[in-house]
Amino acid sequence: MKHRQEEDDLYRIFARQREEEDNRIKQEFRDEWEKELERLTIRFERELQTKRKRGEDQKVLTLKLQQEREDLEKNMTLRRDKKKESLTRQLLEHER
């Protein structure tokens, strides 16, 4: 019975560690996502002002921004998934 209690305690500790790491990763990616979106928006606004002076089409810039945002979202999602897998693997190795 004592061993069972120790195993349960260890399981709770490891579960808490996994949850804390998962939350930390989510926050990191949320912060990075916000920074990248802000960077894209600033660049878009700057290009928009420059191209207005030249008379270029605003729709082209908007489509370009949307495509860059979609690409960023894909890349961030892939990076997040890889990092989660890696972290999960590390934590499971540690638990053994």
PDB file of N, CA and C in Angstrom:
ATOM      1  N   MET A   1       0.827  -1.193   0.000  1.00  0.00           N
ATOM      2  CA  MET A   1       0.000   0.000   0.000  1.00  0.00           C
ATOM      3  C   MET A   1       0.871   1.256   0.000  1.00  0.00           C
ATOM      4  N   LYS A   2       2.001   1.168   0.716  1.00  0.00           N
ATOM      5  CA  LYS A   2       2.908   2.307   0.794  1.00  0.00           C
ATOM      6  C   LYS A   2       3.479   2.642  -0.590  1.00  0.00           C
ATOM      7  N   HIS A   3       3.826   1.589  -1.338  1.00  0.00           N
ATOM      8  CA  HIS A   3       4.375   1.806  -2.672  1.00  0.00           C
ATOM      9  C   HIS A   3       3.341   2.431  -3.602  1.00  0.00           C
ATOM     10  N   ARG A   4       2.124   2.008  -3.445  1.00  0.00           N
ATOM     11  CA  ARG A   4       1.041   2.564  -4.265  1.00  0.00           C
ATOM     12  C   ARG A   4       0.894   4.062  -3.993  1.00  0.00           C
ATOM     13  N   GLN A   5       0.969   4.453  -2.740  1.00  0.00           N
ATOM     14  CA  GLN A   5       0.863   5.865  -2.362  1.00  0.00           C
ATOM     15  C   GLN A   5       2.033   6.656  -2.949  1.00  0.00           C
ATOM     16  N   GLU A   6       3.237   6.085  -2.890  1.00  0.00           N
ATOM     17  CA  GLU A   6       4.408   6.755  -3.456  1.00  0.00           C
ATOM     18  C   GLU A   6       4.259   6.928  -4.964  1.00  0.00           C
ATOM     19  N   GLU A   7       3.765   5.892  -5.635  1.00  0.00           N
ATOM     20  CA  GLU A   7       3.542   5.975  -7.074  1.00  0.00           C
ATOM     21  C   GLU A   7       2.507   7.042  -7.407  1.00  0.00           C
ATOM     22  N   ASP A   8       1.444   7.087  -6.638  1.00  0.00           N
ATOM     23  CA  ASP A   8       0.410   8.102  -6.861  1.00  0.00           C
ATOM     24  C   ASP A   8       0.973   9.507  -6.671  1.00  0.00           C
ATOM     25  N   ASP A   9       1.789   9.681  -5.637  1.00  0.00           N
ATOM     26  CA  ASP A   9       2.402  10.992  -5.393  1.00  0.00           C
ATOM     27  C   ASP A   9       3.318  11.391  -6.546  1.00  0.00           C
ATOM     28  N   LEU A  10       4.126  10.438  -7.007  1.00  0.00           N
ATOM     29  CA  LEU A  10       5.015  10.720  -8.138  1.00  0.00           C
ATOM     30  C   LEU A  10       4.213  11.055  -9.393  1.00  0.00           C
ATOM     31  N   TYR A  11       3.147  10.302  -9.611  1.00  0.00           N
ATOM     32  CA  TYR A  11       2.308  10.566 -10.782  1.00  0.00           C
ATOM     33  C   TYR A  11       1.739  11.983 -10.723  1.00  0.00           C
ATOM     34  N   ARG A  12       1.256  12.401  -9.561  1.00  0.00           N
ATOM     35  CA  ARG A  12       0.709  13.756  -9.415  1.00  0.00           C
ATOM     36  C   ARG A  12       1.786  14.807  -9.662  1.00  0.00           C
ATOM     37  N   ILE A  13       2.972  14.563  -9.140  1.00  0.00           N
ATOM     38  CA  ILE A  13       4.078  15.511  -9.342  1.00  0.00           C
ATOM     39  C   ILE A  13       4.406  15.631 -10.825  1.00  0.00           C
ATOM     40  N   PHE A  14       4.532  14.501 -11.510  1.00  0.00           N
ATOM     41  CA  PHE A  14       4.850  14.526 -12.933  1.00  0.00           C
ATOM     42  C   PHE A  14       3.722  15.159 -13.749  1.00  0.00           C
ATOM     43  N   ALA A  15       2.492  14.885 -13.388  1.00  0.00           N
ATOM     44  CA  ALA A  15       1.356  15.486 -14.091  1.00  0.00           C
ATOM     45  C   ALA A  15       1.373  17.001 -13.924  1.00  0.00           C
ATOM     46  N   ARG A  16       1.676  17.469 -12.722  1.00  0.00           N
ATOM     47  CA  ARG A  16       1.754  18.907 -12.470  1.00  0.00           C
ATOM     48  C   ARG A  16       2.896  19.536 -13.276  1.00  0.00           C
ATOM     49  N   GLN A  17       4.042  18.839 -13.339  1.00  0.00           N
ATOM     50  CA  GLN A  17       5.173  19.339 -14.117  1.00  0.00           C
ATOM     51  C   GLN A  17       4.819  19.432 -15.596  1.00  0.00           C
ATOM     52  N   ARG A  18       4.149  18.404 -16.114  1.00  0.00           N
ATOM     53  CA  ARG A  18       3.736  18.431 -17.525  1.00  0.00           C
ATOM     54  C   ARG A  18       2.792  19.594 -17.788  1.00  0.00           C
ATOM     55  N   GLU A  19       1.852  19.811 -16.897  1.00  0.00           N
ATOM     56  CA  GLU A  19       0.898  20.905 -17.060  1.00  0.00           C
ATOM     57  C   GLU A  19       1.596  22.261 -17.008  1.00  0.00           C
ATOM     58  N   GLU A  20       2.530  22.427 -16.073  1.00  0.00           N
ATOM     59  CA  GLU A  20       3.263  23.689 -15.971  1.00  0.00           C
ATOM     60  C   GLU A  20       4.087  23.950 -17.227  1.00  0.00           C
ATOM     61  N   GLU A  21       4.758  22.923 -17.735  1.00  0.00           N
ATOM     62  CA  GLU A  21       5.554  23.078 -18.952  1.00  0.00           C
ATOM     63  C   GLU A  21       4.658  23.381 -20.150  1.00  0.00           C
ATOM     64  N   ASP A  22       3.523  22.721 -20.219  1.00  0.00           N
ATOM     65  CA  ASP A  22       2.585  22.971 -21.306  1.00  0.00           C
ATOM     66  C   ASP A  22       2.094  24.417 -21.269  1.00  0.00           C
ATOM     67  N   ASN A  23       1.759  24.907 -20.096  1.00  0.00           N
ATOM     68  CA  ASN A  23       1.315  26.297 -19.960  1.00  0.00           C
ATOM     69  C   ASN A  23       2.425  27.273 -20.321  1.00  0.00           C
ATOM     70  N   ARG A  24       3.651  26.952 -19.929  1.00  0.00           N
ATOM     71  CA  ARG A  24       4.786  27.821 -20.241  1.00  0.00           C
ATOM     72  C   ARG A  24       4.998  27.897 -21.756  1.00  0.00           C
ATOM     73  N   ILE A  25       4.923  26.751 -22.420  1.00  0.00           N
ATOM     74  CA  ILE A  25       5.098  26.720 -23.872  1.00  0.00           C
ATOM     75  C   ILE A  25       3.983  27.500 -24.559  1.00  0.00           C
ATOM     76  N   LYS A  26       2.760  27.316 -24.107  1.00  0.00           N
ATOM     77  CA  LYS A  26       1.636  28.052 -24.697  1.00  0.00           C
ATOM     78  C   LYS A  26       1.840  29.553 -24.569  1.00  0.00           C
ATOM     79  N   GLN A  27       2.290  29.996 -23.403  1.00  0.00           N
ATOM     80  CA  GLN A  27       2.517  31.424 -23.181  1.00  0.00           C
ATOM     81  C   GLN A  27       3.648  31.943 -24.069  1.00  0.00           C
ATOM     82  N   GLU A  28       4.714  31.163 -24.195  1.00  0.00           N
ATOM     83  CA  GLU A  28       5.828  31.569 -25.052  1.00  0.00           C
ATOM     84  C   GLU A  28       5.366  31.746 -26.493  1.00  0.00           C
ATOM     85  N   PHE A  29       4.607  30.778 -26.999  1.00  0.00           N
ATOM     86  CA  PHE A  29       4.146  30.868 -28.374  1.00  0.00           C
ATOM     87  C   PHE A  29       3.113  31.973 -28.555  1.00  0.00           C
ATOM     88  N   ARG A  30       2.296  32.208 -27.547  1.00  0.00           N
ATOM     89  CA  ARG A  30       1.330  33.304 -27.624  1.00  0.00           C
ATOM     90  C   ARG A  30       2.069  34.640 -27.718  1.00  0.00           C
ATOM     91  N   ASP A  31       3.097  34.801 -26.894  1.00  0.00           N
ATOM     92  CA  ASP A  31       3.886  36.032 -26.928  1.00  0.00           C
ATOM     93  C   ASP A  31       4.590  36.202 -28.270  1.00  0.00           C
ATOM     94  N   GLU A  32       5.189  35.110 -28.758  1.00  0.00           N
ATOM     95  CA  GLU A  32       5.883  35.178 -30.041  1.00  0.00           C
ATOM     96  C   GLU A  32       4.899  35.472 -31.176  1.00  0.00           C
ATOM     97  N   TRP A  33       3.721  34.866 -31.115  1.00  0.00           N
ATOM     98  CA  TRP A  33       2.691  35.094 -32.128  1.00  0.00           C
ATOM     99  C   TRP A  33       2.299  36.570 -32.155  1.00  0.00           C
ATOM    100  N   GLU A  34       2.081  37.148 -30.984  1.00  0.00           N
ATOM    101  CA  GLU A  34       1.692  38.557 -30.907  1.00  0.00           C
ATOM    102  C   GLU A  34       2.786  39.462 -31.465  1.00  0.00           C
ATOM    103  N   LYS A  35       4.036  39.160 -31.150  1.00  0.00           N
ATOM    104  CA  LYS A  35       5.151  39.962 -31.663  1.00  0.00           C
ATOM    105  C   LYS A  35       5.234  39.880 -33.182  1.00  0.00           C
ATOM    106  N   GLU A  36       5.099  38.667 -33.713  1.00  0.00           N
ATOM    107  CA  GLU A  36       5.182  38.493 -35.162  1.00  0.00           C
ATOM    108  C   GLU A  36       4.009  39.170 -35.872  1.00  0.00           C
ATOM    109  N   LEU A  37       2.824  39.076 -35.296  1.00  0.00           N
ATOM    110  CA  LEU A  37       1.675  39.760 -35.903  1.00  0.00           C
ATOM    111  C   LEU A  37       1.868  41.269 -35.891  1.00  0.00           C
ATOM    112  N   GLU A  38       2.387  41.777 -34.800  1.00  0.00           N
ATOM    113  CA  GLU A  38       2.648  43.210 -34.711  1.00  0.00           C
ATOM    114  C   GLU A  38       3.685  43.626 -35.755  1.00  0.00           C
ATOM    115  N   ARG A  39       4.727  42.820 -35.910  1.00  0.00           N
ATOM    116  CA  ARG A  39       5.761  43.110 -36.900  1.00  0.00           C
ATOM    117  C   ARG A  39       5.171  43.107 -38.313  1.00  0.00           C
ATOM    118  N   LEU A  40       4.338  42.115 -38.616  1.00  0.00           N
ATOM    119  CA  LEU A  40       3.693  42.053 -39.927  1.00  0.00           C
ATOM    120  C   LEU A  40       2.783  43.252 -40.162  1.00  0.00           C
ATOM    121  N   THR A  41       2.033  43.619 -39.152  1.00  0.00           N
ATOM    122  CA  THR A  41       1.107  44.745 -39.276  1.00  0.00           C
ATOM    123  C   THR A  41       1.857  46.045 -39.512  1.00  0.00           C
ATOM    124  N   ILE A  42       2.918  46.259 -38.767  1.00  0.00           N
ATOM    125  CA  ILE A  42       3.708  47.482 -38.938  1.00  0.00           C
ATOM    126  C   ILE A  42       4.300  47.526 -40.338  1.00  0.00           C
ATOM    127  N   ARG A  43       4.842  46.388 -40.799  1.00  0.00           N
ATOM    128  CA  ARG A  43       5.411  46.347 -42.148  1.00  0.00           C
ATOM    129  C   ARG A  43       4.340  46.596 -43.207  1.00  0.00           C
ATOM    130  N   PHE A  44       3.159  46.007 -43.006  1.00  0.00           N
ATOM    131  CA  PHE A  44       2.059  46.204 -43.951  1.00  0.00           C
ATOM    132  C   PHE A  44       1.660  47.675 -44.018  1.00  0.00           C
ATOM    133  N   GLU A  45       1.518  48.304 -42.852  1.00  0.00           N
ATOM    134  CA  GLU A  45       1.126  49.715 -42.829  1.00  0.00           C
ATOM    135  C   GLU A  45       2.181  50.593 -43.489  1.00  0.00           C
ATOM    136  N   ARG A  46       3.443  50.286 -43.252  1.00  0.00           N
ATOM    137  CA  ARG A  46       4.529  51.051 -43.863  1.00  0.00           C
ATOM    138  C   ARG A  46       4.507  50.889 -45.385  1.00  0.00           C
ATOM    139  N   GLU A  47       4.348  49.653 -45.851  1.00  0.00           N
ATOM    140  CA  GLU A  47       4.278  49.400 -47.291  1.00  0.00           C
ATOM    141  C   GLU A  47       3.053  50.061 -47.898  1.00  0.00           C
ATOM    142  N   LEU A  48       1.957  50.040 -47.170  1.00  0.00           N
ATOM    143  CA  LEU A  48       0.726  50.644 -47.660  1.00  0.00           C
ATOM    144  C   LEU A  48       0.904  52.142 -47.865  1.00  0.00           C
ATOM    145  N   GLN A  49       1.532  52.799 -46.919  1.00  0.00           N
ATOM    146  CA  GLN A  49       1.777  54.237 -47.051  1.00  0.00           C
ATOM    147  C   GLN A  49       2.711  54.524 -48.220  1.00  0.00           C
ATOM    148  N   THR A  50       3.740  53.723 -48.366  1.00  0.00           N
ATOM    149  CA  THR A  50       4.701  53.916 -49.452  1.00  0.00           C
ATOM    150  C   THR A  50       4.039  53.677 -50.802  1.00  0.00           C
ATOM    151  N   LYS A  51       3.256  52.648 -50.904  1.00  0.00           N
ATOM    152  CA  LYS A  51       2.661  52.283 -52.190  1.00  0.00           C
ATOM    153  C   LYS A  51       1.501  53.202 -52.562  1.00  0.00           C
ATOM    154  N   ARG A  52       0.867  53.810 -51.573  1.00  0.00           N
ATOM    155  CA  ARG A  52      -0.188  54.779 -51.893  1.00  0.00           C
ATOM    156  C   ARG A  52       0.393  55.951 -52.669  1.00  0.00           C
ATOM    157  N   LYS A  53       1.578  56.331 -52.272  1.00  0.00           N
ATOM    158  CA  LYS A  53       2.239  57.431 -52.971  1.00  0.00           C
ATOM    159  C   LYS A  53       2.525  57.051 -54.414  1.00  0.00           C
ATOM    160  N   ARG A  54       2.798  55.778 -54.633  1.00  0.00           N
ATOM    161  CA  ARG A  54       3.087  55.294 -55.983  1.00  0.00           C
ATOM    162  C   ARG A  54       1.811  54.904 -56.728  1.00  0.00           C
ATOM    163  N   GLY A  55       0.715  54.787 -56.028  1.00  0.00           N
ATOM    164  CA  GLY A  55      -0.554  54.452 -56.667  1.00  0.00           C
ATOM    165  C   GLY A  55      -0.752  52.965 -56.906  1.00  0.00           C
ATOM    166  N   GLU A  56      -0.045  52.127 -56.181  1.00  0.00           N
ATOM    167  CA  GLU A  56      -0.208  50.684 -56.365  1.00  0.00           C
ATOM    168  C   GLU A  56      -1.473  50.195 -55.667  1.00  0.00           C
ATOM    169  N   ASP A  57      -1.916  49.033 -56.050  1.00  0.00           N
ATOM    170  CA  ASP A  57      -3.188  48.483 -55.595  1.00  0.00           C
ATOM    171  C   ASP A  57      -3.120  48.027 -54.131  1.00  0.00           C
ATOM    172  N   GLN A  58      -4.094  48.470 -53.361  1.00  0.00           N
ATOM    173  CA  GLN A  58      -4.173  48.113 -51.943  1.00  0.00           C
ATOM    174  C   GLN A  58      -4.577  46.646 -51.772  1.00  0.00           C
ATOM    175  N   LYS A  59      -5.364  46.132 -52.697  1.00  0.00           N
ATOM    176  CA  LYS A  59      -5.803  44.736 -52.607  1.00  0.00           C
ATOM    177  C   LYS A  59      -4.619  43.776 -52.688  1.00  0.00           C
ATOM    178  N   VAL A  60      -3.656  44.111 -53.514  1.00  0.00           N
ATOM    179  CA  VAL A  60      -2.471  43.262 -53.649  1.00  0.00           C
ATOM    180  C   VAL A  60      -1.740  43.183 -52.313  1.00  0.00           C
ATOM    181  N   LEU A  61      -1.601  44.312 -51.653  1.00  0.00           N
ATOM    182  CA  LEU A  61      -0.930  44.333 -50.352  1.00  0.00           C
ATOM    183  C   LEU A  61      -1.721  43.567 -49.303  1.00  0.00           C
ATOM    184  N   THR A  62      -3.031  43.708 -49.338  1.00  0.00           N
ATOM    185  CA  THR A  62      -3.876  43.000 -48.377  1.00  0.00           C
ATOM    186  C   THR A  62      -3.763  41.487 -48.576  1.00  0.00           C
ATOM    187  N   LEU A  63      -3.789  41.045 -49.819  1.00  0.00           N
ATOM    188  CA  LEU A  63      -3.637  39.618 -50.104  1.00  0.00           C
ATOM    189  C   LEU A  63      -2.262  39.113 -49.669  1.00  0.00           C
ATOM    190  N   LYS A  64      -1.258  39.931 -49.902  1.00  0.00           N
ATOM    191  CA  LYS A  64       0.100  39.567 -49.490  1.00  0.00           C
ATOM    192  C   LYS A  64       0.166  39.417 -47.968  1.00  0.00           C
ATOM    193  N   LEU A  65      -0.451  40.343 -47.243  1.00  0.00           N
ATOM    194  CA  LEU A  65      -0.472  40.272 -45.778  1.00  0.00           C
ATOM    195  C   LEU A  65      -1.198  39.014 -45.314  1.00  0.00           C
ATOM    196  N   GLN A  66      -2.327  38.716 -45.924  1.00  0.00           N
ATOM    197  CA  GLN A  66      -3.083  37.523 -45.540  1.00  0.00           C
ATOM    198  C   GLN A  66      -2.266  36.253 -45.767  1.00  0.00           C
ATOM    199  N   GLN A  67      -1.563  36.197 -46.898  1.00  0.00           N
ATOM    200  CA  GLN A  67      -0.741  35.020 -47.191  1.00  0.00           C
ATOM    201  C   GLN A  67       0.401  34.891 -46.190  1.00  0.00           C
ATOM    202  N   GLU A  68       1.044  35.996 -45.868  1.00  0.00           N
ATOM    203  CA  GLU A  68       2.134  35.963 -44.894  1.00  0.00           C
ATOM    204  C   GLU A  68       1.622  35.555 -43.515  1.00  0.00           C
ATOM    205  N   ARG A  69       0.444  36.017 -43.173  1.00  0.00           N
ATOM    206  CA  ARG A  69      -0.140  35.650 -41.880  1.00  0.00           C
ATOM    207  C   ARG A  69      -0.455  34.154 -41.831  1.00  0.00           C
ATOM    208  N   GLU A  70      -1.010  33.628 -42.918  1.00  0.00           N
ATOM    209  CA  GLU A  70      -1.300  32.194 -42.982  1.00  0.00           C
ATOM    210  C   GLU A  70      -0.015  31.374 -42.887  1.00  0.00           C
ATOM    211  N   ASP A  71       1.025  31.822 -43.595  1.00  0.00           N
ATOM    212  CA  ASP A  71       2.311  31.125 -43.528  1.00  0.00           C
ATOM    213  C   ASP A  71       2.878  31.163 -42.115  1.00  0.00           C
ATOM    214  N   LEU A  72       2.787  32.308 -41.482  1.00  0.00           N
ATOM    215  CA  LEU A  72       3.269  32.448 -40.112  1.00  0.00           C
ATOM    216  C   LEU A  72       2.506  31.514 -39.180  1.00  0.00           C
ATOM    217  N   GLU A  73       1.196  31.456 -39.357  1.00  0.00           N
ATOM    218  CA  GLU A  73       0.376  30.589 -38.509  1.00  0.00           C
ATOM    219  C   GLU A  73       0.763  29.117 -38.689  1.00  0.00           C
ATOM    220  N   LYS A  74       0.986  28.698 -39.941  1.00  0.00           N
ATOM    221  CA  LYS A  74       1.404  27.322 -40.196  1.00  0.00           C
ATOM    222  C   LYS A  74       2.742  27.028 -39.523  1.00  0.00           C
ATOM    223  N   ASN A  75       3.693  27.932 -39.716  1.00  0.00           N
ATOM    224  CA  ASN A  75       5.023  27.719 -39.143  1.00  0.00           C
ATOM    225  C   ASN A  75       4.984  27.691 -37.623  1.00  0.00           C
ATOM    226  N   MET A  76       4.229  28.597 -37.035  1.00  0.00           N
ATOM    227  CA  MET A  76       4.133  28.638 -35.575  1.00  0.00           C
ATOM    228  C   MET A  76       3.464  27.365 -35.048  1.00  0.00           C
ATOM    229  N   THR A  77       2.458  26.886 -35.755  1.00  0.00           N
ATOM    230  CA  THR A  77       1.767  25.667 -35.340  1.00  0.00           C
ATOM    231  C   THR A  77       2.708  24.466 -35.415  1.00  0.00           C
ATOM    232  N   LEU A  78       3.465  24.377 -36.502  1.00  0.00           N
ATOM    233  CA  LEU A  78       4.417  23.280 -36.632  1.00  0.00           C
ATOM    234  C   LEU A  78       5.483  23.337 -35.544  1.00  0.00           C
ATOM    235  N   ARG A  79       5.999  24.526 -35.293  1.00  0.00           N
ATOM    236  CA  ARG A  79       7.021  24.677 -34.256  1.00  0.00           C
ATOM    237  C   ARG A  79       6.466  24.320 -32.882  1.00  0.00           C
ATOM    238  N   ARG A  80       5.233  24.760 -32.604  1.00  0.00           N
ATOM    239  CA  ARG A  80       4.610  24.457 -31.314  1.00  0.00           C
ATOM    240  C   ARG A  80       4.434  22.950 -31.146  1.00  0.00           C
ATOM    241  N   ASP A  81       3.940  22.289 -32.193  1.00  0.00           N
ATOM    242  CA  ASP A  81       3.719  20.849 -32.112  1.00  0.00           C
ATOM    243  C   ASP A  81       5.028  20.089 -31.908  1.00  0.00           C
ATOM    244  N   LYS A  82       6.070  20.500 -32.631  1.00  0.00           N
ATOM    245  CA  LYS A  82       7.366  19.839 -32.465  1.00  0.00           C
ATOM    246  C   LYS A  82       7.903  20.042 -31.059  1.00  0.00           C
ATOM    247  N   LYS A  83       7.756  21.249 -30.549  1.00  0.00           N
ATOM    248  CA  LYS A  83       8.261  21.531 -29.206  1.00  0.00           C
ATOM    249  C   LYS A  83       7.477  20.734 -28.164  1.00  0.00           C
ATOM    250  N   LYS A  84       6.160  20.626 -28.341  1.00  0.00           N
ATOM    251  CA  LYS A  84       5.344  19.839 -27.407  1.00  0.00           C
ATOM    252  C   LYS A  84       5.758  18.371 -27.426  1.00  0.00           C
ATOM    253  N   GLU A  85       5.968  17.834 -28.630  1.00  0.00           N
ATOM    254  CA  GLU A  85       6.388  16.439 -28.741  1.00  0.00           C
ATOM    255  C   GLU A  85       7.723  16.217 -28.047  1.00  0.00           C
ATOM    256  N   SER A  86       8.648  17.111 -28.301  1.00  0.00           N
ATOM    257  CA  SER A  86       9.971  17.003 -27.699  1.00  0.00           C
ATOM    258  C   SER A  86       9.891  17.080 -26.179  1.00  0.00           C
ATOM    259  N   LEU A  87       9.129  18.026 -25.687  1.00  0.00           N
ATOM    260  CA  LEU A  87       8.987  18.193 -24.242  1.00  0.00           C
ATOM    261  C   LEU A  87       8.303  16.985 -23.617  1.00  0.00           C
ATOM    262  N   THR A  88       7.281  16.479 -24.269  1.00  0.00           N
ATOM    263  CA  THR A  88       6.573  15.303 -23.760  1.00  0.00           C
ATOM    264  C   THR A  88       7.522  14.112 -23.682  1.00  0.00           C
ATOM    265  N   ARG A  89       8.324  13.938 -24.738  1.00  0.00           N
ATOM    266  CA  ARG A  89       9.296  12.855 -24.748  1.00  0.00           C
ATOM    267  C   ARG A  89      10.297  12.998 -23.602  1.00  0.00           C
ATOM    268  N   GLN A  90      10.789  14.222 -23.392  1.00  0.00           N
ATOM    269  CA  GLN A  90      11.750  14.465 -22.315  1.00  0.00           C
ATOM    270  C   GLN A  90      11.137  14.179 -20.949  1.00  0.00           C
ATOM    271  N   LEU A  91       9.921  14.649 -20.733  1.00  0.00           N
ATOM    272  CA  LEU A  91       9.275  14.431 -19.441  1.00  0.00           C
ATOM    273  C   LEU A  91       8.985  12.953 -19.196  1.00  0.00           C
ATOM    274  N   LEU A  92       8.584  12.245 -20.241  1.00  0.00           N
ATOM    275  CA  LEU A  92       8.328  10.812 -20.080  1.00  0.00           C
ATOM    276  C   LEU A  92       9.617  10.059 -19.763  1.00  0.00           C
ATOM    277  N   GLU A  93      10.715  10.450 -20.405  1.00  0.00           N
ATOM    278  CA  GLU A  93      12.004   9.833 -20.094  1.00  0.00           C
ATOM    279  C   GLU A  93      12.389  10.100 -18.644  1.00  0.00           C
ATOM    280  N   HIS A  94      12.124  11.307 -18.200  1.00  0.00           N
ATOM    281  CA  HIS A  94      12.443  11.678 -16.823  1.00  0.00           C
ATOM    282  C   HIS A  94      11.591  10.889 -15.833  1.00  0.00           C
ATOM    283  N   GLU A  95      10.344  10.639 -16.192  1.00  0.00           N
ATOM    284  CA  GLU A  95       9.436   9.912 -15.307  1.00  0.00           C
ATOM    285  C   GLU A  95       9.846   8.454 -15.141  1.00  0.00           C
ATOM    286  N   ARG A  96      10.465   7.899 -16.166  1.00  0.00           N
ATOM    287  CA  ARG A  96      10.862   6.485 -16.096  1.00  0.00           C
ATOM    288  C   ARG A  96      11.966   6.368 -15.102  1.00  0.00           C
TER     289      ARG A  96
END
